[in-house]
Each structure stands twice: as C-alpha cells, then as structure tokens.
Amino acid sequence: MRVLVVTAVPVERDAVTRAFGDGPRIREVPGAELHLAGPFDVLAGGAGPAAAAAATACALAAASAPYAAVVSAGIGGGFAPAAPVGSLVVASSVVAADLGAETPDGFVPVTGLGFGRDTFLPPEALVRDVAEATGALPGTVLTVSTVTGSAARTAELLAAHPGAVAEAMEGFGVAEAAARFGVPALELRAVSNAVGPRDRAAWRIGDALAALTGAFGKTAPVVESWTRHDRIDRHRD
C-alpha cells in the first residue's frame, strides 16, 4: 500500500520527491498530477484547507487501490521557542484554529456551536515513529485560513492552544478528506518562519525545504514498515 502526500505548492511537492533521487514518475488524476517517488504519491493541491480537502478527496477517489495513509506536508510557521526556524514538527493533533464564530465573549470553536469537529488525532504510533526517525517535535499543528501576522494574534492562539508548535493552512482540510475515506492522516512540517509579526527577511524557505527533503528520506522506511503492520492488523480484524 502506498501513502498519499499532499502539499500546497509545487516547490513543496518537489522537495518531498527530491529525497528519492531521479525524477518521479507522473500520473494524472482529476485536477492534479501525482508525482510517484519512493512509497509516496505526491501532489500539490493548492493553498488553504478547502483546496487541500478537494485535492485530497479527488486523489483518494481516483486511486486504483486504497492508500495506507495521507500526509499533509510542507513548510509552515513555528511557535517560538518550541519550534525554531529550520526545525521539523509532526502533528500529534491537527486543529482548525479559526473554524467557529466570533462572539462578544471571544472566539467559539465550531464544536462549541454544537456541530462539526475541529480536531483530528493522527495515529499515535506513527507520530512517535516519525518523530524518532526525523527528530521532529510532536505537538499540535494549527490550520488557519489567515496566516498569523501579529504578536497579539500569536498570543491568542497560544492561549487557546497551549500545545501548539506550528501553524499552516492545509492540514485540517487534508485530514477531513482522509477521514471521509477511512484513511489515517498525518501532518509533517518544516519551519520556515516564526509565527508572529511578518518579517520576510527572517524567513528561511530554502532551509525549510531542504529540511523537508531530509525528513521524507528518513520517513520512507517508517511508513513502509507501518503500512506492512497496518495491512497485517487489518487482515487480523
């Protein structure tokens, strides 16, 4: 069984496939190209949770065989000092941080409104094994539709989510689509900038992309081992 990887943009997709040397094989799926490298089928699904969910769903629906897992991957912002620029994070939980309603008393998550969900929990064993293999920091990765750009908003997010280590824009959308197909989801990010006031001069996108390449080279044997065990466990069930 193979693993689907969904990034936002082609440069992130290419950073993942670069871990496997020669150019990937390419297969067309509705609305996107799948780049096949190692145990991964990688696509650039677009920025934001809606585009990510749509691209993930299209790829899962078009698959000739079920995927063992789906990984939301790319670069993102890290919450200092826990996740410095250049480090890796792996989501122990994926949280839609701005899905809900503003009220006079503050933000209410969608679950507080009595419907929907705002959190997905990746498989604990897979999170642990990926963290050990890559050195990634486990923690909550927030999905936001508007990237944080102020110290005040950073403080609000950390107050609401004390275990947050990073924010990005796609993880919850990928996890939502994967859940509809009964496929476990994971999120793995390389930190390109600190969450907070925007300072493009301090961003290290190239370093983060290089870290992402290294992470997927180390993640490949983990997911190959995990998918074998997953197949055995499903057969026993």
C-alpha atoms as a PDB file:
ATOM      1  CA  MET A   1       0.000   0.000   0.000  1.00  0.00           C
ATOM      2  CA  ARG A   2       1.236   3.477  -0.869  1.00  0.00           C
ATOM      3  CA  VAL A   3       1.000   6.746   1.009  1.00  0.00           C
ATOM      4  CA  LEU A   4      -0.534   9.921  -0.432  1.00  0.00           C
ATOM      5  CA  VAL A   5       1.287  13.179   0.345  1.00  0.00           C
ATOM      6  CA  VAL A   6      -0.486  16.499  -0.203  1.00  0.00           C
ATOM      7  CA  THR A   7       1.427  19.781  -0.308  1.00  0.00           C
ATOM      8  CA  ALA A   8       0.157  23.262  -1.092  1.00  0.00           C
ATOM      9  CA  VAL A   9       2.520  24.267  -3.898  1.00  0.00           C
ATOM     10  CA  PRO A  10       4.815  22.544  -6.416  1.00  0.00           C
ATOM     11  CA  VAL A  11       8.047  23.643  -4.711  1.00  0.00           C
ATOM     12  CA  GLU A  12       6.995  21.704  -1.594  1.00  0.00           C
ATOM     13  CA  ARG A  13       5.966  18.695  -3.685  1.00  0.00           C
ATOM     14  CA  ASP A  14       9.351  18.723  -5.394  1.00  0.00           C
ATOM     15  CA  ALA A  15      11.153  18.962  -2.051  1.00  0.00           C
ATOM     16  CA  VAL A  16       9.446  15.732  -0.988  1.00  0.00           C
ATOM     17  CA  THR A  17      10.219  13.822  -4.188  1.00  0.00           C
ATOM     18  CA  ARG A  18      13.828  15.090  -4.227  1.00  0.00           C
ATOM     19  CA  ALA A  19      14.536  12.730  -1.345  1.00  0.00           C
ATOM     20  CA  PHE A  20      14.376   9.844  -3.812  1.00  0.00           C
ATOM     21  CA  GLY A  21      16.905  10.927  -6.423  1.00  0.00           C
ATOM     22  CA  ASP A  22      15.846  10.630 -10.058  1.00  0.00           C
ATOM     23  CA  GLY A  23      12.793  12.477 -11.313  1.00  0.00           C
ATOM     24  CA  PRO A  24       9.474  10.997 -10.198  1.00  0.00           C
ATOM     25  CA  ARG A  25       7.036   9.179 -12.405  1.00  0.00           C
ATOM     26  CA  ILE A  26       3.984  11.309 -13.102  1.00  0.00           C
ATOM     27  CA  ARG A  27       0.380  10.165 -13.243  1.00  0.00           C
ATOM     28  CA  GLU A  28      -2.619  12.354 -13.981  1.00  0.00           C
ATOM     29  CA  VAL A  29      -5.552  12.420 -11.576  1.00  0.00           C
ATOM     30  CA  PRO A  30      -8.609  14.705 -11.746  1.00  0.00           C
ATOM     31  CA  GLY A  31      -7.415  18.251 -11.173  1.00  0.00           C
ATOM     32  CA  ALA A  32      -3.771  17.439 -10.431  1.00  0.00           C
ATOM     33  CA  GLU A  33      -0.617  15.469 -11.166  1.00  0.00           C
ATOM     34  CA  LEU A  34       0.601  12.720  -8.868  1.00  0.00           C
ATOM     35  CA  HIS A  35       4.388  12.530  -8.610  1.00  0.00           C
ATOM     36  CA  LEU A  36       5.381   8.999  -7.608  1.00  0.00           C
ATOM     37  CA  ALA A  37       8.616   8.689  -5.603  1.00  0.00           C
ATOM     38  CA  GLY A  38       9.610   6.006  -3.130  1.00  0.00           C
ATOM     39  CA  PRO A  39       6.498   4.850  -1.239  1.00  0.00           C
ATOM     40  CA  PHE A  40       4.805   8.217  -1.791  1.00  0.00           C
ATOM     41  CA  ASP A  41       2.341   9.618  -4.325  1.00  0.00           C
ATOM     42  CA  VAL A  42       2.784  13.383  -4.000  1.00  0.00           C
ATOM     43  CA  LEU A  43       0.528  16.147  -5.289  1.00  0.00           C
ATOM     44  CA  ALA A  44       0.406  19.927  -4.960  1.00  0.00           C
ATOM     45  CA  GLY A  45      -3.214  20.535  -4.036  1.00  0.00           C
ATOM     46  CA  GLY A  46      -3.303  24.313  -3.576  1.00  0.00           C
ATOM     47  CA  ALA A  47      -3.209  26.684  -0.623  1.00  0.00           C
ATOM     48  CA  GLY A  48      -5.775  26.640   2.160  1.00  0.00           C
ATOM     49  CA  PRO A  49      -7.971  23.964   3.725  1.00  0.00           C
ATOM     50  CA  ALA A  50     -10.664  23.967   1.013  1.00  0.00           C
ATOM     51  CA  ALA A  51      -8.239  23.393  -1.876  1.00  0.00           C
ATOM     52  CA  ALA A  52      -6.355  20.793   0.164  1.00  0.00           C
ATOM     53  CA  ALA A  53      -9.534  18.896   1.023  1.00  0.00           C
ATOM     54  CA  ALA A  54     -10.734  18.916  -2.595  1.00  0.00           C
ATOM     55  CA  ALA A  55      -7.392  17.731  -3.974  1.00  0.00           C
ATOM     56  CA  THR A  56      -7.089  15.013  -1.345  1.00  0.00           C
ATOM     57  CA  ALA A  57     -10.596  13.750  -1.995  1.00  0.00           C
ATOM     58  CA  CYS A  58     -10.029  13.671  -5.760  1.00  0.00           C
ATOM     59  CA  ALA A  59      -6.827  11.666  -5.374  1.00  0.00           C
ATOM     60  CA  LEU A  60      -8.380   9.216  -2.920  1.00  0.00           C
ATOM     61  CA  ALA A  61     -11.412   8.706  -5.133  1.00  0.00           C
ATOM     62  CA  ALA A  62      -9.245   8.117  -8.215  1.00  0.00           C
ATOM     63  CA  ALA A  63      -6.910   5.619  -6.533  1.00  0.00           C
ATOM     64  CA  SER A  64      -6.850   2.145  -8.031  1.00  0.00           C
ATOM     65  CA  ALA A  65      -6.065   0.711  -4.578  1.00  0.00           C
ATOM     66  CA  PRO A  66      -6.627   2.155  -1.099  1.00  0.00           C
ATOM     67  CA  TYR A  67      -3.904   4.317   0.391  1.00  0.00           C
ATOM     68  CA  ALA A  68      -2.436   3.300   3.730  1.00  0.00           C
ATOM     69  CA  ALA A  69      -2.256   6.905   4.942  1.00  0.00           C
ATOM     70  CA  VAL A  70      -2.358  10.527   3.831  1.00  0.00           C
ATOM     71  CA  VAL A  71       0.284  13.077   4.855  1.00  0.00           C
ATOM     72  CA  SER A  72      -0.188  16.835   4.775  1.00  0.00           C
ATOM     73  CA  ALA A  73       3.317  18.189   4.221  1.00  0.00           C
ATOM     74  CA  GLY A  74       5.176  21.381   3.502  1.00  0.00           C
ATOM     75  CA  ILE A  75       6.644  24.382   5.234  1.00  0.00           C
ATOM     76  CA  GLY A  76       4.943  26.410   7.933  1.00  0.00           C
ATOM     77  CA  GLY A  77       5.333  28.826  10.791  1.00  0.00           C
ATOM     78  CA  GLY A  78       6.749  27.664  14.116  1.00  0.00           C
ATOM     79  CA  PHE A  79       5.812  28.924  17.553  1.00  0.00           C
ATOM     80  CA  ALA A  80       8.974  30.145  19.278  1.00  0.00           C
ATOM     81  CA  PRO A  81      10.834  28.959  21.208  1.00  0.00           C
ATOM     82  CA  ALA A  82       9.454  25.420  20.849  1.00  0.00           C
ATOM     83  CA  ALA A  83       9.849  25.146  17.062  1.00  0.00           C
ATOM     84  CA  PRO A  84      12.679  27.326  15.726  1.00  0.00           C
ATOM     85  CA  VAL A  85      13.264  28.091  12.073  1.00  0.00           C
ATOM     86  CA  GLY A  86      14.741  25.076  10.281  1.00  0.00           C
ATOM     87  CA  SER A  87      13.241  22.528  12.669  1.00  0.00           C
ATOM     88  CA  LEU A  88      10.646  19.856  11.931  1.00  0.00           C
ATOM     89  CA  VAL A  89       7.277  19.296  13.584  1.00  0.00           C
ATOM     90  CA  VAL A  90       4.874  16.369  13.368  1.00  0.00           C
ATOM     91  CA  ALA A  91       1.264  16.813  14.418  1.00  0.00           C
ATOM     92  CA  SER A  92       0.041  14.880  17.422  1.00  0.00           C
ATOM     93  CA  SER A  93      -3.216  16.730  16.765  1.00  0.00           C
ATOM     94  CA  VAL A  94      -4.447  18.763  13.801  1.00  0.00           C
ATOM     95  CA  VAL A  95      -6.707  21.627  14.870  1.00  0.00           C
ATOM     96  CA  ALA A  96      -8.791  24.069  12.809  1.00  0.00           C
ATOM     97  CA  ALA A  97      -7.917  27.126  14.868  1.00  0.00           C
ATOM     98  CA  ASP A  98     -10.236  29.643  13.203  1.00  0.00           C
ATOM     99  CA  LEU A  99     -13.249  27.470  12.378  1.00  0.00           C
ATOM    100  CA  GLY A 100     -16.076  28.837  14.517  1.00  0.00           C
ATOM    101  CA  ALA A 101     -17.676  32.150  15.435  1.00  0.00           C
ATOM    102  CA  GLU A 102     -16.690  35.447  16.996  1.00  0.00           C
ATOM    103  CA  THR A 103     -18.894  36.437  19.942  1.00  0.00           C
ATOM    104  CA  PRO A 104     -18.868  39.316  22.463  1.00  0.00           C
ATOM    105  CA  ASP A 105     -17.096  36.926  24.821  1.00  0.00           C
ATOM    106  CA  GLY A 106     -14.472  35.900  22.282  1.00  0.00           C
ATOM    107  CA  PHE A 107     -13.962  33.124  19.760  1.00  0.00           C
ATOM    108  CA  VAL A 108     -16.115  29.988  19.988  1.00  0.00           C
ATOM    109  CA  PRO A 109     -14.896  26.926  18.076  1.00  0.00           C
ATOM    110  CA  VAL A 110     -17.306  25.118  15.803  1.00  0.00           C
ATOM    111  CA  THR A 111     -17.672  22.342  18.361  1.00  0.00           C
ATOM    112  CA  GLY A 112     -18.860  24.915  20.882  1.00  0.00           C
ATOM    113  CA  LEU A 113     -21.612  25.871  18.451  1.00  0.00           C
ATOM    114  CA  GLY A 114     -22.935  22.339  18.601  1.00  0.00           C
ATOM    115  CA  PHE A 115     -21.861  20.961  15.243  1.00  0.00           C
ATOM    116  CA  GLY A 116     -18.864  19.832  13.247  1.00  0.00           C
ATOM    117  CA  ARG A 117     -15.415  18.997  14.536  1.00  0.00           C
ATOM    118  CA  ASP A 118     -12.218  20.966  14.845  1.00  0.00           C
ATOM    119  CA  THR A 119      -9.615  18.335  15.742  1.00  0.00           C
ATOM    120  CA  PHE A 120      -8.116  15.212  14.198  1.00  0.00           C
ATOM    121  CA  LEU A 121      -5.705  12.893  16.004  1.00  0.00           C
ATOM    122  CA  PRO A 122      -3.132  11.092  13.825  1.00  0.00           C
ATOM    123  CA  PRO A 123      -2.170   7.541  14.839  1.00  0.00           C
ATOM    124  CA  GLU A 124      -0.030   7.811  17.976  1.00  0.00           C
ATOM    125  CA  ALA A 125       2.404   5.078  16.938  1.00  0.00           C
ATOM    126  CA  LEU A 126       3.016   6.674  13.544  1.00  0.00           C
ATOM    127  CA  VAL A 127       3.562  10.103  15.102  1.00  0.00           C
ATOM    128  CA  ARG A 128       6.032   8.607  17.578  1.00  0.00           C
ATOM    129  CA  ASP A 129       7.956   6.678  14.931  1.00  0.00           C
ATOM    130  CA  VAL A 130       8.176   9.636  12.539  1.00  0.00           C
ATOM    131  CA  ALA A 131       9.326  11.895  15.376  1.00  0.00           C
ATOM    132  CA  GLU A 132      12.034   9.418  16.359  1.00  0.00           C
ATOM    133  CA  ALA A 133      13.228   8.929  12.781  1.00  0.00           C
ATOM    134  CA  THR A 134      13.330  12.601  11.805  1.00  0.00           C
ATOM    135  CA  GLY A 135      13.882  14.464  15.059  1.00  0.00           C
ATOM    136  CA  ALA A 136      10.581  16.264  14.514  1.00  0.00           C
ATOM    137  CA  LEU A 137       8.879  17.828  17.523  1.00  0.00           C
ATOM    138  CA  PRO A 138       5.439  16.313  18.210  1.00  0.00           C
ATOM    139  CA  GLY A 139       2.671  18.759  19.082  1.00  0.00           C
ATOM    140  CA  THR A 140      -0.479  20.467  17.918  1.00  0.00           C
ATOM    141  CA  VAL A 141      -0.316  21.921  14.410  1.00  0.00           C
ATOM    142  CA  LEU A 142      -2.938  24.591  13.811  1.00  0.00           C
ATOM    143  CA  THR A 143      -4.713  25.028  10.492  1.00  0.00           C
ATOM    144  CA  VAL A 144      -5.558  28.662   9.752  1.00  0.00           C
ATOM    145  CA  SER A 145      -7.157  30.321   6.743  1.00  0.00           C
ATOM    146  CA  THR A 146      -5.382  33.603   7.549  1.00  0.00           C
ATOM    147  CA  VAL A 147      -1.698  33.336   8.436  1.00  0.00           C
ATOM    148  CA  THR A 148      -0.814  34.963  11.746  1.00  0.00           C
ATOM    149  CA  GLY A 149       0.889  38.327  11.398  1.00  0.00           C
ATOM    150  CA  SER A 150       0.909  39.959  14.832  1.00  0.00           C
ATOM    151  CA  ALA A 151       2.170  39.312  18.324  1.00  0.00           C
ATOM    152  CA  ALA A 152      -1.352  39.759  19.686  1.00  0.00           C
ATOM    153  CA  ARG A 153      -2.797  37.034  17.478  1.00  0.00           C
ATOM    154  CA  THR A 154       0.119  34.752  18.303  1.00  0.00           C
ATOM    155  CA  ALA A 155      -0.637  35.176  21.997  1.00  0.00           C
ATOM    156  CA  GLU A 156      -4.332  34.465  21.394  1.00  0.00           C
ATOM    157  CA  LEU A 157      -3.561  31.235  19.581  1.00  0.00           C
ATOM    158  CA  LEU A 158      -1.148  30.024  22.247  1.00  0.00           C
ATOM    159  CA  ALA A 159      -3.646  30.856  24.975  1.00  0.00           C
ATOM    160  CA  ALA A 160      -6.319  28.832  23.193  1.00  0.00           C
ATOM    161  CA  HIS A 161      -3.935  26.021  22.176  1.00  0.00           C
ATOM    162  CA  PRO A 162      -1.082  25.761  24.715  1.00  0.00           C
ATOM    163  CA  GLY A 163       0.386  22.708  22.977  1.00  0.00           C
ATOM    164  CA  ALA A 164       0.673  24.363  19.558  1.00  0.00           C
ATOM    165  CA  VAL A 165       4.063  24.056  17.881  1.00  0.00           C
ATOM    166  CA  ALA A 166       3.258  25.315  14.374  1.00  0.00           C
ATOM    167  CA  GLU A 167       0.618  26.709  12.057  1.00  0.00           C
ATOM    168  CA  ALA A 168      -0.066  26.052   8.381  1.00  0.00           C
ATOM    169  CA  MET A 169      -3.046  26.280   6.052  1.00  0.00           C
ATOM    170  CA  GLU A 170      -3.856  22.787   4.803  1.00  0.00           C
ATOM    171  CA  GLY A 171      -3.623  20.081   7.460  1.00  0.00           C
ATOM    172  CA  PHE A 172      -7.219  20.095   8.655  1.00  0.00           C
ATOM    173  CA  GLY A 173      -8.557  20.011   5.088  1.00  0.00           C
ATOM    174  CA  VAL A 174      -6.380  17.015   4.252  1.00  0.00           C
ATOM    175  CA  ALA A 175      -7.402  15.223   7.447  1.00  0.00           C
ATOM    176  CA  GLU A 176     -11.092  15.926   6.870  1.00  0.00           C
ATOM    177  CA  ALA A 177     -10.995  14.430   3.386  1.00  0.00           C
ATOM    178  CA  ALA A 178      -8.950  11.441   4.539  1.00  0.00           C
ATOM    179  CA  ALA A 179     -11.437  10.739   7.331  1.00  0.00           C
ATOM    180  CA  ARG A 180     -14.294  10.582   4.811  1.00  0.00           C
ATOM    181  CA  PHE A 181     -12.427   7.741   3.101  1.00  0.00           C
ATOM    182  CA  GLY A 182     -11.463   5.999   6.341  1.00  0.00           C
ATOM    183  CA  VAL A 183      -7.741   6.680   5.817  1.00  0.00           C
ATOM    184  CA  PRO A 184      -5.489   7.848   8.682  1.00  0.00           C
ATOM    185  CA  ALA A 185      -3.828  11.242   8.263  1.00  0.00           C
ATOM    186  CA  LEU A 186      -0.546  12.738   9.436  1.00  0.00           C
ATOM    187  CA  GLU A 187       0.937  16.241   9.195  1.00  0.00           C
ATOM    188  CA  LEU A 188       4.683  16.873   8.842  1.00  0.00           C
ATOM    189  CA  ARG A 189       6.078  20.411   8.532  1.00  0.00           C
ATOM    190  CA  ALA A 190       9.456  22.117   8.220  1.00  0.00           C
ATOM    191  CA  VAL A 191       9.547  25.517   9.909  1.00  0.00           C
ATOM    192  CA  SER A 192      10.397  28.377   7.551  1.00  0.00           C
ATOM    193  CA  ASN A 193       9.498  31.305   9.815  1.00  0.00           C
ATOM    194  CA  ALA A 194       8.388  32.212  13.300  1.00  0.00           C
ATOM    195  CA  VAL A 195       4.677  32.714  13.909  1.00  0.00           C
ATOM    196  CA  GLY A 196       4.107  36.387  14.665  1.00  0.00           C
ATOM    197  CA  PRO A 197       4.814  39.758  13.031  1.00  0.00           C
ATOM    198  CA  ARG A 198       5.689  39.229   9.376  1.00  0.00           C
ATOM    199  CA  ASP A 199       9.414  39.648   8.754  1.00  0.00           C
ATOM    200  CA  ARG A 200      10.177  38.262   5.327  1.00  0.00           C
ATOM    201  CA  ALA A 201      13.887  38.986   5.747  1.00  0.00           C
ATOM    202  CA  ALA A 202      13.965  36.420   8.551  1.00  0.00           C
ATOM    203  CA  TRP A 203      12.228  33.675   6.573  1.00  0.00           C
ATOM    204  CA  ARG A 204      14.366  30.674   5.620  1.00  0.00           C
ATOM    205  CA  ILE A 205      12.288  28.976   2.942  1.00  0.00           C
ATOM    206  CA  GLY A 206      15.252  27.298   1.259  1.00  0.00           C
ATOM    207  CA  ASP A 207      16.480  25.841   4.552  1.00  0.00           C
ATOM    208  CA  ALA A 208      12.982  24.620   5.388  1.00  0.00           C
ATOM    209  CA  LEU A 209      12.575  22.939   2.002  1.00  0.00           C
ATOM    210  CA  ALA A 210      15.931  21.207   2.454  1.00  0.00           C
ATOM    211  CA  ALA A 211      14.799  20.020   5.884  1.00  0.00           C
ATOM    212  CA  LEU A 212      11.584  18.714   4.330  1.00  0.00           C
ATOM    213  CA  THR A 213      13.585  16.702   1.786  1.00  0.00           C
ATOM    214  CA  GLY A 214      15.689  15.182   4.539  1.00  0.00           C
ATOM    215  CA  ALA A 215      12.637  14.398   6.622  1.00  0.00           C
ATOM    216  CA  PHE A 216      10.936  12.417   3.876  1.00  0.00           C
ATOM    217  CA  GLY A 217      14.085  10.431   3.170  1.00  0.00           C
ATOM    218  CA  LYS A 218      14.010   9.352   6.813  1.00  0.00           C
ATOM    219  CA  THR A 219      10.234   8.916   6.888  1.00  0.00           C
ATOM    220  CA  ALA A 220      10.098   6.475   3.969  1.00  0.00           C
ATOM    221  CA  PRO A 221      11.271   3.383   5.901  1.00  0.00           C
ATOM    222  CA  VAL A 222       8.953   4.320   8.780  1.00  0.00           C
ATOM    223  CA  VAL A 223       5.831   4.437   6.644  1.00  0.00           C
ATOM    224  CA  GLU A 224       6.863   1.322   4.691  1.00  0.00           C
ATOM    225  CA  SER A 225       7.182  -0.586   7.966  1.00  0.00           C
ATOM    226  CA  TRP A 226       3.994   0.957   9.331  1.00  0.00           C
ATOM    227  CA  THR A 227       1.945   0.118   6.242  1.00  0.00           C
ATOM    228  CA  ARG A 228       3.076  -3.505   6.417  1.00  0.00           C
ATOM    229  CA  HIS A 229       1.954  -3.713  10.037  1.00  0.00           C
ATOM    230  CA  ASP A 230      -1.265  -1.906   9.147  1.00  0.00           C
ATOM    231  CA  ARG A 231      -2.027  -4.499   6.472  1.00  0.00           C
ATOM    232  CA  ILE A 232      -1.418  -7.317   8.956  1.00  0.00           C
ATOM    233  CA  ASP A 233      -3.615  -5.668  11.602  1.00  0.00           C
ATOM    234  CA  ARG A 234      -6.447  -5.116   9.114  1.00  0.00           C
ATOM    235  CA  HIS A 235      -6.215  -8.732   7.972  1.00  0.00           C
ATOM    236  CA  ARG A 236      -6.463  -9.898  11.616  1.00  0.00           C
ATOM    237  CA  ASP A 237      -9.519  -7.693  12.150  1.00  0.00           C
END
